[in-house]
Amino acid sequence: GLDLLLKTLDGRYRGIRTQLSEPARIVSSPAGTRIEPFSLRLGDGRLTLAGTVGDTLDVKADITSVPLALANALAPGFAIAGTLNGAVTVTGATSNPVANWTLNAGGLSAAPLRDNGLAALSLASTGRYSGNGLTQTTRITGSDGLSLVAEGPVTLSGAGSLDIGVTAQERTTQMRMAVVKSATHLHAVADGV
C-alpha cells in the first residue's frame, strides 16, 4: 500500500491564496484508497474533502465561501465574481456512481451579465446524477426583480437528451437579457446533447 502525507501546499492566483489548513493524508491499500479529512483554504473560503475510493465510493466535499474568481483561470475574460457554498457527495459502485449536490452562489457576476445591465445574482442548485442521467433544479434571482427557474432531467448516455423547463419573470424593464422576458415560460426538448 501507499501512505501519502502532504504537509504543505501554498499557492496564489491573482491575489487569491491557496493553502492547506492541515496536512492531507491519503492511504492506499488493495481494498481501496482512503482520504482522511482535510481542508484547503481558497482565499477567504474553504474546501473540505474526505472519503474512500475503491470498488465503491463514499466521498464528500464541503464548500464554504469559495471565491468564484478562481474560475477565471478556466474562463479568462469573463471576470467572474461571487462566492460559492454547498456540499457534494459521491456514493455507490465505482462503475455506477451516484452524486448529489446542493450549491448556493451569492454575489454572482460576470462580464456578459454586467454588459447586459444585470446586477449581481444569487443562484441555488440541487441535483442528482445517477444511471448516466441527472435531474436538477436551479433558481436564479436578482435584487432588481429577476426570477428564473430551470429544472428537468438530462440523459447523458447514447445520443443523450435534454428536457429542461425554464420559467422566467422580469420586473425591471431596463434589464437587457434576451432569454428573460416578462411572463415567459420556455420549455425546450433537444436531442444530441
N, C-alpha and C. Protein backbone atom coordinates (compact mmCIF):
# COMPACT_ATOMS: atom_id res chain seq x y z
N GLY A 1 0.83 -1.21 0.00
CA GLY A 1 0.00 0.00 0.00
C GLY A 1 0.86 1.25 0.00
N LEU A 2 0.19 2.38 -0.05
CA LEU A 2 0.87 3.67 -0.11
C LEU A 2 0.25 4.58 0.94
N ASP A 3 1.10 5.23 1.70
CA ASP A 3 0.66 6.20 2.71
C ASP A 3 1.30 7.54 2.36
N LEU A 4 0.48 8.45 1.83
CA LEU A 4 0.99 9.73 1.35
C LEU A 4 0.55 10.83 2.31
N LEU A 5 1.50 11.60 2.78
CA LEU A 5 1.21 12.73 3.67
C LEU A 5 1.71 14.01 3.03
N LEU A 6 0.78 14.88 2.69
CA LEU A 6 1.12 16.18 2.11
C LEU A 6 1.04 17.22 3.22
N LYS A 7 2.20 17.73 3.61
CA LYS A 7 2.25 18.62 4.77
C LYS A 7 1.96 20.07 4.42
N THR A 8 2.40 20.53 3.28
CA THR A 8 2.20 21.94 2.92
C THR A 8 1.81 22.07 1.46
N LEU A 9 0.99 23.05 1.20
CA LEU A 9 0.63 23.46 -0.16
C LEU A 9 0.30 24.93 -0.09
N ASP A 10 1.00 25.71 -0.86
CA ASP A 10 0.82 27.15 -0.79
C ASP A 10 0.93 27.73 -2.19
N GLY A 11 -0.14 28.37 -2.64
CA GLY A 11 -0.13 28.96 -3.97
C GLY A 11 -0.94 30.24 -3.98
N ARG A 12 -0.93 30.93 -5.09
CA ARG A 12 -1.65 32.19 -5.21
C ARG A 12 -2.05 32.40 -6.66
N TYR A 13 -3.30 32.81 -6.85
CA TYR A 13 -3.78 33.15 -8.19
C TYR A 13 -4.48 34.49 -8.12
N ARG A 14 -3.91 35.48 -8.77
CA ARG A 14 -4.47 36.82 -8.81
C ARG A 14 -4.86 37.31 -7.42
N GLY A 15 -3.98 37.10 -6.48
CA GLY A 15 -4.20 37.57 -5.14
C GLY A 15 -5.01 36.64 -4.25
N ILE A 16 -5.53 35.55 -4.80
CA ILE A 16 -6.30 34.58 -4.02
C ILE A 16 -5.35 33.47 -3.58
N ARG A 17 -5.20 33.32 -2.29
CA ARG A 17 -4.24 32.35 -1.76
C ARG A 17 -4.87 30.98 -1.61
N THR A 18 -4.11 29.95 -1.93
CA THR A 18 -4.50 28.55 -1.75
C THR A 18 -3.52 27.92 -0.78
N GLN A 19 -4.07 27.31 0.30
CA GLN A 19 -3.19 26.80 1.34
C GLN A 19 -3.87 25.66 2.09
N LEU A 20 -3.10 24.61 2.38
CA LEU A 20 -3.61 23.54 3.22
C LEU A 20 -3.80 24.04 4.65
N SER A 21 -4.96 23.74 5.24
CA SER A 21 -5.19 24.12 6.63
C SER A 21 -4.49 23.17 7.59
N GLU A 22 -4.35 21.93 7.17
CA GLU A 22 -3.64 20.92 7.96
C GLU A 22 -3.11 19.88 6.98
N PRO A 23 -2.17 19.04 7.39
CA PRO A 23 -1.64 18.02 6.48
C PRO A 23 -2.76 17.14 5.92
N ALA A 24 -2.60 16.77 4.66
CA ALA A 24 -3.56 15.90 3.99
C ALA A 24 -2.96 14.51 3.86
N ARG A 25 -3.71 13.51 4.30
CA ARG A 25 -3.21 12.14 4.28
C ARG A 25 -4.09 11.28 3.39
N ILE A 26 -3.46 10.56 2.48
CA ILE A 26 -4.14 9.64 1.57
C ILE A 26 -3.48 8.27 1.72
N VAL A 27 -4.29 7.28 2.07
CA VAL A 27 -3.79 5.93 2.33
C VAL A 27 -4.38 4.98 1.29
N SER A 28 -3.51 4.31 0.56
CA SER A 28 -3.95 3.37 -0.48
C SER A 28 -3.59 1.95 -0.07
N SER A 29 -4.54 1.03 -0.30
CA SER A 29 -4.33 -0.38 0.01
C SER A 29 -5.08 -1.19 -1.04
N PRO A 30 -4.91 -2.52 -1.05
CA PRO A 30 -5.65 -3.34 -2.02
C PRO A 30 -7.17 -3.16 -1.92
N ALA A 31 -7.65 -2.78 -0.75
CA ALA A 31 -9.09 -2.61 -0.57
C ALA A 31 -9.60 -1.28 -1.13
N GLY A 32 -8.68 -0.33 -1.39
CA GLY A 32 -9.10 0.96 -1.91
C GLY A 32 -8.24 2.08 -1.35
N THR A 33 -8.69 3.29 -1.57
CA THR A 33 -7.96 4.47 -1.14
C THR A 33 -8.81 5.26 -0.15
N ARG A 34 -8.20 5.65 0.96
CA ARG A 34 -8.89 6.44 1.97
C ARG A 34 -8.31 7.85 2.01
N ILE A 35 -9.19 8.82 1.90
CA ILE A 35 -8.79 10.22 2.00
C ILE A 35 -9.22 10.71 3.37
N GLU A 36 -8.27 10.93 4.24
CA GLU A 36 -8.61 11.42 5.56
C GLU A 36 -9.02 12.88 5.47
N PRO A 37 -9.97 13.31 6.34
CA PRO A 37 -10.49 14.67 6.22
C PRO A 37 -9.40 15.73 6.26
N PHE A 38 -9.45 16.62 5.29
CA PHE A 38 -8.54 17.77 5.28
C PHE A 38 -9.24 18.94 4.62
N SER A 39 -8.72 20.13 4.90
CA SER A 39 -9.31 21.36 4.36
C SER A 39 -8.27 22.12 3.55
N LEU A 40 -8.73 22.68 2.47
CA LEU A 40 -7.90 23.52 1.61
C LEU A 40 -8.48 24.92 1.64
N ARG A 41 -7.69 25.86 2.10
CA ARG A 41 -8.14 27.25 2.11
C ARG A 41 -8.01 27.84 0.72
N LEU A 42 -9.10 28.45 0.26
CA LEU A 42 -9.14 29.08 -1.05
C LEU A 42 -9.57 30.54 -0.84
N GLY A 43 -8.62 31.42 -0.78
CA GLY A 43 -8.94 32.80 -0.44
C GLY A 43 -9.52 32.85 0.96
N ASP A 44 -10.69 33.48 1.10
CA ASP A 44 -11.38 33.53 2.38
C ASP A 44 -12.28 32.31 2.58
N GLY A 45 -12.29 31.39 1.62
CA GLY A 45 -13.15 30.22 1.69
C GLY A 45 -12.39 28.96 2.03
N ARG A 46 -13.14 27.86 2.00
CA ARG A 46 -12.55 26.59 2.41
C ARG A 46 -13.24 25.44 1.66
N LEU A 47 -12.44 24.48 1.23
CA LEU A 47 -12.92 23.24 0.64
C LEU A 47 -12.46 22.09 1.52
N THR A 48 -13.41 21.32 2.05
CA THR A 48 -13.10 20.18 2.91
C THR A 48 -13.45 18.90 2.18
N LEU A 49 -12.52 17.95 2.18
CA LEU A 49 -12.70 16.71 1.41
C LEU A 49 -12.36 15.51 2.28
N ALA A 50 -13.17 14.44 2.15
CA ALA A 50 -12.91 13.21 2.89
C ALA A 50 -13.66 12.08 2.22
N GLY A 51 -13.18 10.84 2.44
CA GLY A 51 -13.93 9.70 1.93
C GLY A 51 -13.06 8.54 1.53
N THR A 52 -13.68 7.57 0.87
CA THR A 52 -12.99 6.37 0.40
C THR A 52 -13.32 6.12 -1.06
N VAL A 53 -12.33 5.57 -1.76
CA VAL A 53 -12.48 5.25 -3.18
C VAL A 53 -11.96 3.84 -3.39
N GLY A 54 -12.79 2.98 -3.95
CA GLY A 54 -12.41 1.60 -4.24
C GLY A 54 -13.44 1.02 -5.20
N ASP A 55 -13.88 -0.20 -4.95
CA ASP A 55 -14.96 -0.75 -5.74
C ASP A 55 -16.24 0.03 -5.52
N THR A 56 -16.34 0.63 -4.33
CA THR A 56 -17.45 1.53 -4.03
C THR A 56 -16.89 2.89 -3.63
N LEU A 57 -17.73 3.90 -3.71
CA LEU A 57 -17.33 5.27 -3.43
C LEU A 57 -18.10 5.81 -2.24
N ASP A 58 -17.43 6.62 -1.45
CA ASP A 58 -18.08 7.33 -0.35
C ASP A 58 -17.25 8.58 -0.09
N VAL A 59 -17.49 9.60 -0.88
CA VAL A 59 -16.68 10.82 -0.84
C VAL A 59 -17.61 12.01 -0.63
N LYS A 60 -17.17 12.93 0.22
CA LYS A 60 -17.94 14.15 0.45
C LYS A 60 -17.04 15.35 0.39
N ALA A 61 -17.52 16.40 -0.26
CA ALA A 61 -16.82 17.68 -0.32
C ALA A 61 -17.75 18.77 0.22
N ASP A 62 -17.26 19.55 1.16
CA ASP A 62 -17.99 20.70 1.70
C ASP A 62 -17.32 21.97 1.21
N ILE A 63 -18.12 22.89 0.71
CA ILE A 63 -17.63 24.13 0.12
C ILE A 63 -18.14 25.30 0.95
N THR A 64 -17.24 26.13 1.42
CA THR A 64 -17.63 27.25 2.27
C THR A 64 -16.99 28.53 1.77
N SER A 65 -17.80 29.44 1.27
CA SER A 65 -17.35 30.79 0.87
C SER A 65 -16.16 30.77 -0.09
N VAL A 66 -16.17 29.85 -1.03
CA VAL A 66 -15.08 29.76 -2.01
C VAL A 66 -15.27 30.84 -3.07
N PRO A 67 -14.27 31.66 -3.34
CA PRO A 67 -14.41 32.73 -4.32
C PRO A 67 -14.51 32.19 -5.75
N LEU A 68 -15.56 32.60 -6.44
CA LEU A 68 -15.76 32.15 -7.81
C LEU A 68 -14.76 32.75 -8.77
N ALA A 69 -14.01 33.75 -8.34
CA ALA A 69 -12.97 34.33 -9.19
C ALA A 69 -11.94 33.29 -9.59
N LEU A 70 -11.86 32.18 -8.84
CA LEU A 70 -10.94 31.11 -9.22
C LEU A 70 -11.29 30.53 -10.58
N ALA A 71 -12.56 30.61 -10.98
CA ALA A 71 -12.99 30.08 -12.26
C ALA A 71 -12.42 30.87 -13.43
N ASN A 72 -11.92 32.07 -13.18
CA ASN A 72 -11.35 32.86 -14.25
C ASN A 72 -10.09 32.24 -14.84
N ALA A 73 -9.48 31.32 -14.09
CA ALA A 73 -8.33 30.60 -14.64
C ALA A 73 -8.76 29.71 -15.81
N LEU A 74 -10.01 29.21 -15.76
CA LEU A 74 -10.54 28.36 -16.83
C LEU A 74 -11.35 29.14 -17.85
N ALA A 75 -11.84 30.30 -17.45
CA ALA A 75 -12.66 31.11 -18.36
C ALA A 75 -12.15 32.55 -18.36
N PRO A 76 -10.95 32.77 -18.88
CA PRO A 76 -10.39 34.12 -18.88
C PRO A 76 -11.25 35.07 -19.71
N GLY A 77 -11.35 36.30 -19.25
CA GLY A 77 -12.12 37.29 -19.96
C GLY A 77 -13.54 37.45 -19.46
N PHE A 78 -14.02 36.49 -18.64
CA PHE A 78 -15.40 36.57 -18.15
C PHE A 78 -15.50 37.38 -16.85
N ALA A 79 -14.39 37.59 -16.18
CA ALA A 79 -14.36 38.39 -14.94
C ALA A 79 -15.44 37.92 -13.97
N ILE A 80 -15.45 36.63 -13.67
CA ILE A 80 -16.44 36.04 -12.78
C ILE A 80 -16.17 36.47 -11.35
N ALA A 81 -17.24 36.78 -10.61
CA ALA A 81 -17.11 37.18 -9.22
C ALA A 81 -18.24 36.53 -8.41
N GLY A 82 -18.07 36.49 -7.10
CA GLY A 82 -19.07 35.90 -6.21
C GLY A 82 -18.44 34.86 -5.31
N THR A 83 -19.27 34.24 -4.47
CA THR A 83 -18.81 33.19 -3.58
C THR A 83 -19.72 31.98 -3.69
N LEU A 84 -19.15 30.80 -3.41
CA LEU A 84 -19.88 29.54 -3.54
C LEU A 84 -19.88 28.78 -2.22
N ASN A 85 -21.06 28.27 -1.84
CA ASN A 85 -21.21 27.40 -0.68
C ASN A 85 -21.97 26.15 -1.11
N GLY A 86 -21.76 25.07 -0.38
CA GLY A 86 -22.55 23.88 -0.69
C GLY A 86 -21.86 22.60 -0.29
N ALA A 87 -22.42 21.51 -0.78
CA ALA A 87 -21.88 20.18 -0.48
C ALA A 87 -22.13 19.27 -1.67
N VAL A 88 -21.18 18.36 -1.90
CA VAL A 88 -21.28 17.36 -2.96
C VAL A 88 -20.92 16.01 -2.37
N THR A 89 -21.73 15.00 -2.62
CA THR A 89 -21.42 13.64 -2.18
C THR A 89 -21.42 12.72 -3.39
N VAL A 90 -20.51 11.75 -3.37
CA VAL A 90 -20.44 10.73 -4.41
C VAL A 90 -20.42 9.37 -3.72
N THR A 91 -21.38 8.53 -4.04
CA THR A 91 -21.51 7.22 -3.41
C THR A 91 -21.80 6.17 -4.47
N GLY A 92 -21.95 4.91 -4.01
CA GLY A 92 -22.31 3.83 -4.92
C GLY A 92 -21.12 3.13 -5.51
N ALA A 93 -21.40 2.21 -6.40
CA ALA A 93 -20.34 1.46 -7.07
C ALA A 93 -19.54 2.38 -8.00
N THR A 94 -18.25 2.12 -8.10
CA THR A 94 -17.42 2.93 -8.98
C THR A 94 -17.91 2.85 -10.42
N SER A 95 -18.45 1.69 -10.80
CA SER A 95 -18.95 1.52 -12.17
C SER A 95 -20.30 2.20 -12.39
N ASN A 96 -20.95 2.59 -11.32
CA ASN A 96 -22.27 3.23 -11.44
C ASN A 96 -22.46 4.23 -10.29
N PRO A 97 -21.70 5.30 -10.29
CA PRO A 97 -21.72 6.23 -9.15
C PRO A 97 -23.00 7.06 -9.08
N VAL A 98 -23.27 7.52 -7.89
CA VAL A 98 -24.39 8.42 -7.63
C VAL A 98 -23.84 9.68 -6.97
N ALA A 99 -24.16 10.83 -7.54
CA ALA A 99 -23.69 12.10 -6.99
C ALA A 99 -24.88 12.98 -6.65
N ASN A 100 -24.82 13.61 -5.51
CA ASN A 100 -25.84 14.57 -5.10
C ASN A 100 -25.16 15.88 -4.75
N TRP A 101 -25.81 16.98 -5.08
CA TRP A 101 -25.20 18.27 -4.76
C TRP A 101 -26.25 19.29 -4.33
N THR A 102 -25.79 20.19 -3.48
CA THR A 102 -26.54 21.38 -3.10
C THR A 102 -25.55 22.53 -3.14
N LEU A 103 -25.79 23.48 -4.02
CA LEU A 103 -24.85 24.58 -4.23
C LEU A 103 -25.59 25.91 -4.17
N ASN A 104 -24.94 26.89 -3.56
CA ASN A 104 -25.50 28.23 -3.47
C ASN A 104 -24.41 29.25 -3.78
N ALA A 105 -24.68 30.11 -4.72
CA ALA A 105 -23.73 31.16 -5.09
C ALA A 105 -24.36 32.51 -4.78
N GLY A 106 -23.59 33.37 -4.15
CA GLY A 106 -24.04 34.72 -3.85
C GLY A 106 -23.15 35.76 -4.50
N GLY A 107 -23.73 36.91 -4.81
CA GLY A 107 -22.96 37.96 -5.46
C GLY A 107 -22.41 37.55 -6.80
N LEU A 108 -23.13 36.65 -7.49
CA LEU A 108 -22.65 36.09 -8.76
C LEU A 108 -22.70 37.13 -9.87
N SER A 109 -21.58 37.34 -10.49
CA SER A 109 -21.50 38.32 -11.56
C SER A 109 -20.43 37.89 -12.55
N ALA A 110 -20.59 38.35 -13.78
CA ALA A 110 -19.62 38.09 -14.84
C ALA A 110 -19.76 39.20 -15.88
N ALA A 111 -18.72 39.37 -16.68
CA ALA A 111 -18.72 40.45 -17.66
C ALA A 111 -19.95 40.43 -18.57
N PRO A 112 -20.36 39.27 -19.14
CA PRO A 112 -21.55 39.28 -20.02
C PRO A 112 -22.81 39.74 -19.30
N LEU A 113 -22.95 39.42 -18.01
CA LEU A 113 -24.12 39.85 -17.26
C LEU A 113 -24.08 41.36 -17.03
N ARG A 114 -22.92 41.86 -16.64
CA ARG A 114 -22.79 43.30 -16.41
C ARG A 114 -23.00 44.07 -17.70
N ASP A 115 -22.53 43.52 -18.82
CA ASP A 115 -22.72 44.19 -20.11
C ASP A 115 -24.18 44.29 -20.50
N ASN A 116 -25.02 43.40 -19.95
CA ASN A 116 -26.46 43.42 -20.24
C ASN A 116 -27.25 44.11 -19.13
N GLY A 117 -26.55 44.83 -18.27
CA GLY A 117 -27.22 45.63 -17.27
C GLY A 117 -27.74 44.87 -16.08
N LEU A 118 -27.26 43.65 -15.86
CA LEU A 118 -27.74 42.83 -14.75
C LEU A 118 -26.86 43.01 -13.52
N ALA A 119 -27.51 43.26 -12.39
CA ALA A 119 -26.78 43.34 -11.13
C ALA A 119 -26.39 41.94 -10.69
N ALA A 120 -25.61 41.86 -9.63
CA ALA A 120 -25.16 40.56 -9.11
C ALA A 120 -26.36 39.68 -8.78
N LEU A 121 -26.21 38.38 -9.03
CA LEU A 121 -27.29 37.42 -8.89
C LEU A 121 -27.02 36.45 -7.74
N SER A 122 -28.08 35.77 -7.33
CA SER A 122 -27.97 34.65 -6.41
C SER A 122 -28.42 33.39 -7.14
N LEU A 123 -27.73 32.29 -6.89
CA LEU A 123 -28.04 31.02 -7.56
C LEU A 123 -28.12 29.91 -6.52
N ALA A 124 -29.16 29.07 -6.63
CA ALA A 124 -29.30 27.90 -5.76
C ALA A 124 -29.60 26.70 -6.65
N SER A 125 -28.78 25.66 -6.52
CA SER A 125 -28.93 24.48 -7.37
C SER A 125 -28.88 23.21 -6.53
N THR A 126 -29.83 22.32 -6.76
CA THR A 126 -29.80 20.99 -6.16
C THR A 126 -29.96 19.98 -7.29
N GLY A 127 -29.32 18.83 -7.13
CA GLY A 127 -29.43 17.85 -8.20
C GLY A 127 -28.86 16.51 -7.81
N ARG A 128 -29.06 15.57 -8.72
CA ARG A 128 -28.60 14.20 -8.51
C ARG A 128 -28.19 13.60 -9.84
N TYR A 129 -27.03 12.97 -9.85
CA TYR A 129 -26.56 12.23 -11.02
C TYR A 129 -26.62 10.74 -10.68
N SER A 130 -27.25 9.96 -11.55
CA SER A 130 -27.36 8.53 -11.34
C SER A 130 -27.75 7.86 -12.65
N GLY A 131 -27.13 6.72 -12.93
CA GLY A 131 -27.50 5.95 -14.10
C GLY A 131 -27.35 6.69 -15.41
N ASN A 132 -26.25 7.42 -15.58
CA ASN A 132 -25.97 8.16 -16.81
C ASN A 132 -26.98 9.26 -17.11
N GLY A 133 -27.59 9.76 -16.08
CA GLY A 133 -28.51 10.87 -16.25
C GLY A 133 -28.53 11.73 -14.99
N LEU A 134 -29.05 12.93 -15.12
CA LEU A 134 -29.13 13.79 -13.95
C LEU A 134 -30.44 14.53 -13.95
N THR A 135 -30.88 14.86 -12.76
CA THR A 135 -32.02 15.74 -12.57
C THR A 135 -31.54 16.91 -11.72
N GLN A 136 -32.08 18.09 -11.99
CA GLN A 136 -31.61 19.27 -11.26
C GLN A 136 -32.69 20.33 -11.24
N THR A 137 -32.59 21.17 -10.24
CA THR A 137 -33.41 22.38 -10.14
C THR A 137 -32.48 23.52 -9.80
N THR A 138 -32.49 24.55 -10.62
CA THR A 138 -31.63 25.70 -10.43
C THR A 138 -32.48 26.96 -10.41
N ARG A 139 -32.30 27.75 -9.38
CA ARG A 139 -33.03 29.01 -9.24
C ARG A 139 -32.05 30.17 -9.25
N ILE A 140 -32.34 31.17 -10.06
CA ILE A 140 -31.52 32.36 -10.15
C ILE A 140 -32.40 33.56 -9.84
N THR A 141 -31.96 34.38 -8.91
CA THR A 141 -32.72 35.57 -8.54
C THR A 141 -31.80 36.78 -8.52
N GLY A 142 -32.40 37.95 -8.73
CA GLY A 142 -31.67 39.20 -8.71
C GLY A 142 -32.38 40.23 -7.87
N SER A 143 -31.64 41.17 -7.34
CA SER A 143 -32.22 42.19 -6.49
C SER A 143 -33.18 43.11 -7.24
N ASP A 144 -33.06 43.16 -8.58
CA ASP A 144 -33.91 44.03 -9.37
C ASP A 144 -35.12 43.30 -9.94
N GLY A 145 -35.49 42.16 -9.34
CA GLY A 145 -36.73 41.50 -9.73
C GLY A 145 -36.59 40.29 -10.62
N LEU A 146 -35.40 39.97 -11.04
CA LEU A 146 -35.20 38.80 -11.88
C LEU A 146 -35.49 37.52 -11.10
N SER A 147 -36.26 36.62 -11.71
CA SER A 147 -36.51 35.31 -11.12
C SER A 147 -36.55 34.29 -12.23
N LEU A 148 -35.67 33.30 -12.16
CA LEU A 148 -35.58 32.30 -13.22
C LEU A 148 -35.39 30.93 -12.57
N VAL A 149 -36.18 29.95 -13.01
CA VAL A 149 -36.08 28.59 -12.50
C VAL A 149 -35.91 27.65 -13.69
N ALA A 150 -34.88 26.81 -13.62
CA ALA A 150 -34.65 25.79 -14.65
C ALA A 150 -34.63 24.43 -13.96
N GLU A 151 -35.46 23.51 -14.44
CA GLU A 151 -35.49 22.19 -13.84
C GLU A 151 -35.86 21.14 -14.88
N GLY A 152 -35.36 19.92 -14.64
CA GLY A 152 -35.67 18.83 -15.54
C GLY A 152 -34.53 17.86 -15.68
N PRO A 153 -34.78 16.73 -16.35
CA PRO A 153 -33.76 15.69 -16.50
C PRO A 153 -32.88 15.88 -17.72
N VAL A 154 -31.67 15.35 -17.61
CA VAL A 154 -30.72 15.31 -18.73
C VAL A 154 -30.17 13.89 -18.82
N THR A 155 -30.31 13.26 -19.97
CA THR A 155 -29.77 11.92 -20.20
C THR A 155 -28.43 12.05 -20.90
N LEU A 156 -27.40 11.40 -20.35
CA LEU A 156 -26.05 11.56 -20.87
C LEU A 156 -25.58 10.37 -21.69
N SER A 157 -26.27 9.25 -21.62
CA SER A 157 -25.84 8.07 -22.36
C SER A 157 -26.38 8.11 -23.79
N GLY A 158 -25.72 7.36 -24.68
CA GLY A 158 -26.16 7.29 -26.07
C GLY A 158 -26.14 8.65 -26.72
N ALA A 159 -27.21 8.96 -27.49
CA ALA A 159 -27.29 10.26 -28.15
C ALA A 159 -27.57 11.37 -27.16
N GLY A 160 -28.11 10.99 -25.98
CA GLY A 160 -28.39 11.99 -24.96
C GLY A 160 -29.67 12.74 -25.26
N SER A 161 -30.27 13.29 -24.24
CA SER A 161 -31.47 14.11 -24.42
C SER A 161 -31.55 15.12 -23.31
N LEU A 162 -32.27 16.19 -23.59
CA LEU A 162 -32.41 17.30 -22.66
C LEU A 162 -33.88 17.68 -22.59
N ASP A 163 -34.43 17.77 -21.38
CA ASP A 163 -35.82 18.16 -21.20
C ASP A 163 -35.87 19.12 -20.02
N ILE A 164 -35.56 20.36 -20.30
CA ILE A 164 -35.43 21.36 -19.25
C ILE A 164 -36.53 22.40 -19.41
N GLY A 165 -37.29 22.61 -18.35
CA GLY A 165 -38.28 23.68 -18.33
C GLY A 165 -37.67 24.91 -17.68
N VAL A 166 -37.86 26.08 -18.30
CA VAL A 166 -37.32 27.33 -17.78
C VAL A 166 -38.46 28.32 -17.61
N THR A 167 -38.62 28.81 -16.40
CA THR A 167 -39.63 29.83 -16.12
C THR A 167 -38.90 31.10 -15.72
N ALA A 168 -39.25 32.21 -16.40
CA ALA A 168 -38.55 33.47 -16.13
C ALA A 168 -39.56 34.57 -15.91
N GLN A 169 -39.19 35.51 -15.06
CA GLN A 169 -40.01 36.67 -14.80
C GLN A 169 -39.13 37.89 -14.67
N GLU A 170 -39.55 38.97 -15.28
CA GLU A 170 -38.77 40.23 -15.25
C GLU A 170 -39.67 41.34 -14.75
N ARG A 171 -39.21 42.05 -13.74
CA ARG A 171 -39.99 43.16 -13.19
C ARG A 171 -39.37 44.51 -13.48
N THR A 172 -38.15 44.51 -14.00
CA THR A 172 -37.45 45.76 -14.27
C THR A 172 -37.25 45.90 -15.77
N THR A 173 -37.88 46.87 -16.39
CA THR A 173 -37.86 46.99 -17.84
C THR A 173 -36.48 47.30 -18.38
N GLN A 174 -35.59 47.83 -17.56
CA GLN A 174 -34.26 48.17 -18.05
C GLN A 174 -33.37 46.95 -18.24
N MET A 175 -33.80 45.78 -17.76
CA MET A 175 -32.97 44.59 -17.89
C MET A 175 -32.90 44.19 -19.36
N ARG A 176 -31.67 43.94 -19.84
CA ARG A 176 -31.48 43.64 -21.25
C ARG A 176 -30.83 42.27 -21.39
N MET A 177 -31.64 41.24 -21.12
CA MET A 177 -31.16 39.86 -21.25
C MET A 177 -32.14 39.13 -22.15
N ALA A 178 -31.67 38.70 -23.32
CA ALA A 178 -32.56 38.20 -24.35
C ALA A 178 -33.44 37.04 -23.88
N VAL A 179 -32.88 36.17 -23.03
CA VAL A 179 -33.65 34.99 -22.63
C VAL A 179 -34.69 35.28 -21.56
N VAL A 180 -34.59 36.45 -20.91
CA VAL A 180 -35.51 36.79 -19.83
C VAL A 180 -36.53 37.79 -20.34
N LYS A 181 -37.80 37.43 -20.39
CA LYS A 181 -38.87 38.30 -20.83
C LYS A 181 -40.03 38.17 -19.86
N SER A 182 -40.84 39.23 -19.77
CA SER A 182 -41.91 39.26 -18.80
C SER A 182 -42.94 38.17 -19.08
N ALA A 183 -43.31 37.44 -17.98
CA ALA A 183 -44.36 36.41 -18.01
C ALA A 183 -44.11 35.39 -19.11
N THR A 184 -42.85 34.94 -19.24
CA THR A 184 -42.50 33.98 -20.28
C THR A 184 -42.22 32.62 -19.66
N HIS A 185 -42.75 31.60 -20.30
CA HIS A 185 -42.41 30.24 -19.89
C HIS A 185 -41.82 29.53 -21.09
N LEU A 186 -40.61 29.05 -20.96
CA LEU A 186 -39.92 28.37 -22.04
C LEU A 186 -39.79 26.90 -21.70
N HIS A 187 -39.99 26.05 -22.68
CA HIS A 187 -39.79 24.62 -22.47
C HIS A 187 -39.08 24.07 -23.70
N ALA A 188 -37.90 23.51 -23.51
CA ALA A 188 -37.10 23.07 -24.65
C ALA A 188 -36.82 21.58 -24.51
N VAL A 189 -36.92 20.88 -25.65
CA VAL A 189 -36.51 19.49 -25.73
C VAL A 189 -35.52 19.38 -26.86
N ALA A 190 -34.29 18.94 -26.54
CA ALA A 190 -33.24 18.85 -27.54
C ALA A 190 -32.63 17.48 -27.53
N ASP A 191 -32.24 16.99 -28.69
CA ASP A 191 -31.55 15.72 -28.82
C ASP A 191 -30.12 15.98 -29.23
N GLY A 192 -29.28 14.97 -28.98
CA GLY A 192 -27.89 15.07 -29.39
C GLY A 192 -27.03 15.79 -28.39
N VAL A 193 -27.49 15.93 -27.14
CA VAL A 193 -26.67 16.59 -26.11
C VAL A 193 -25.53 15.70 -25.72
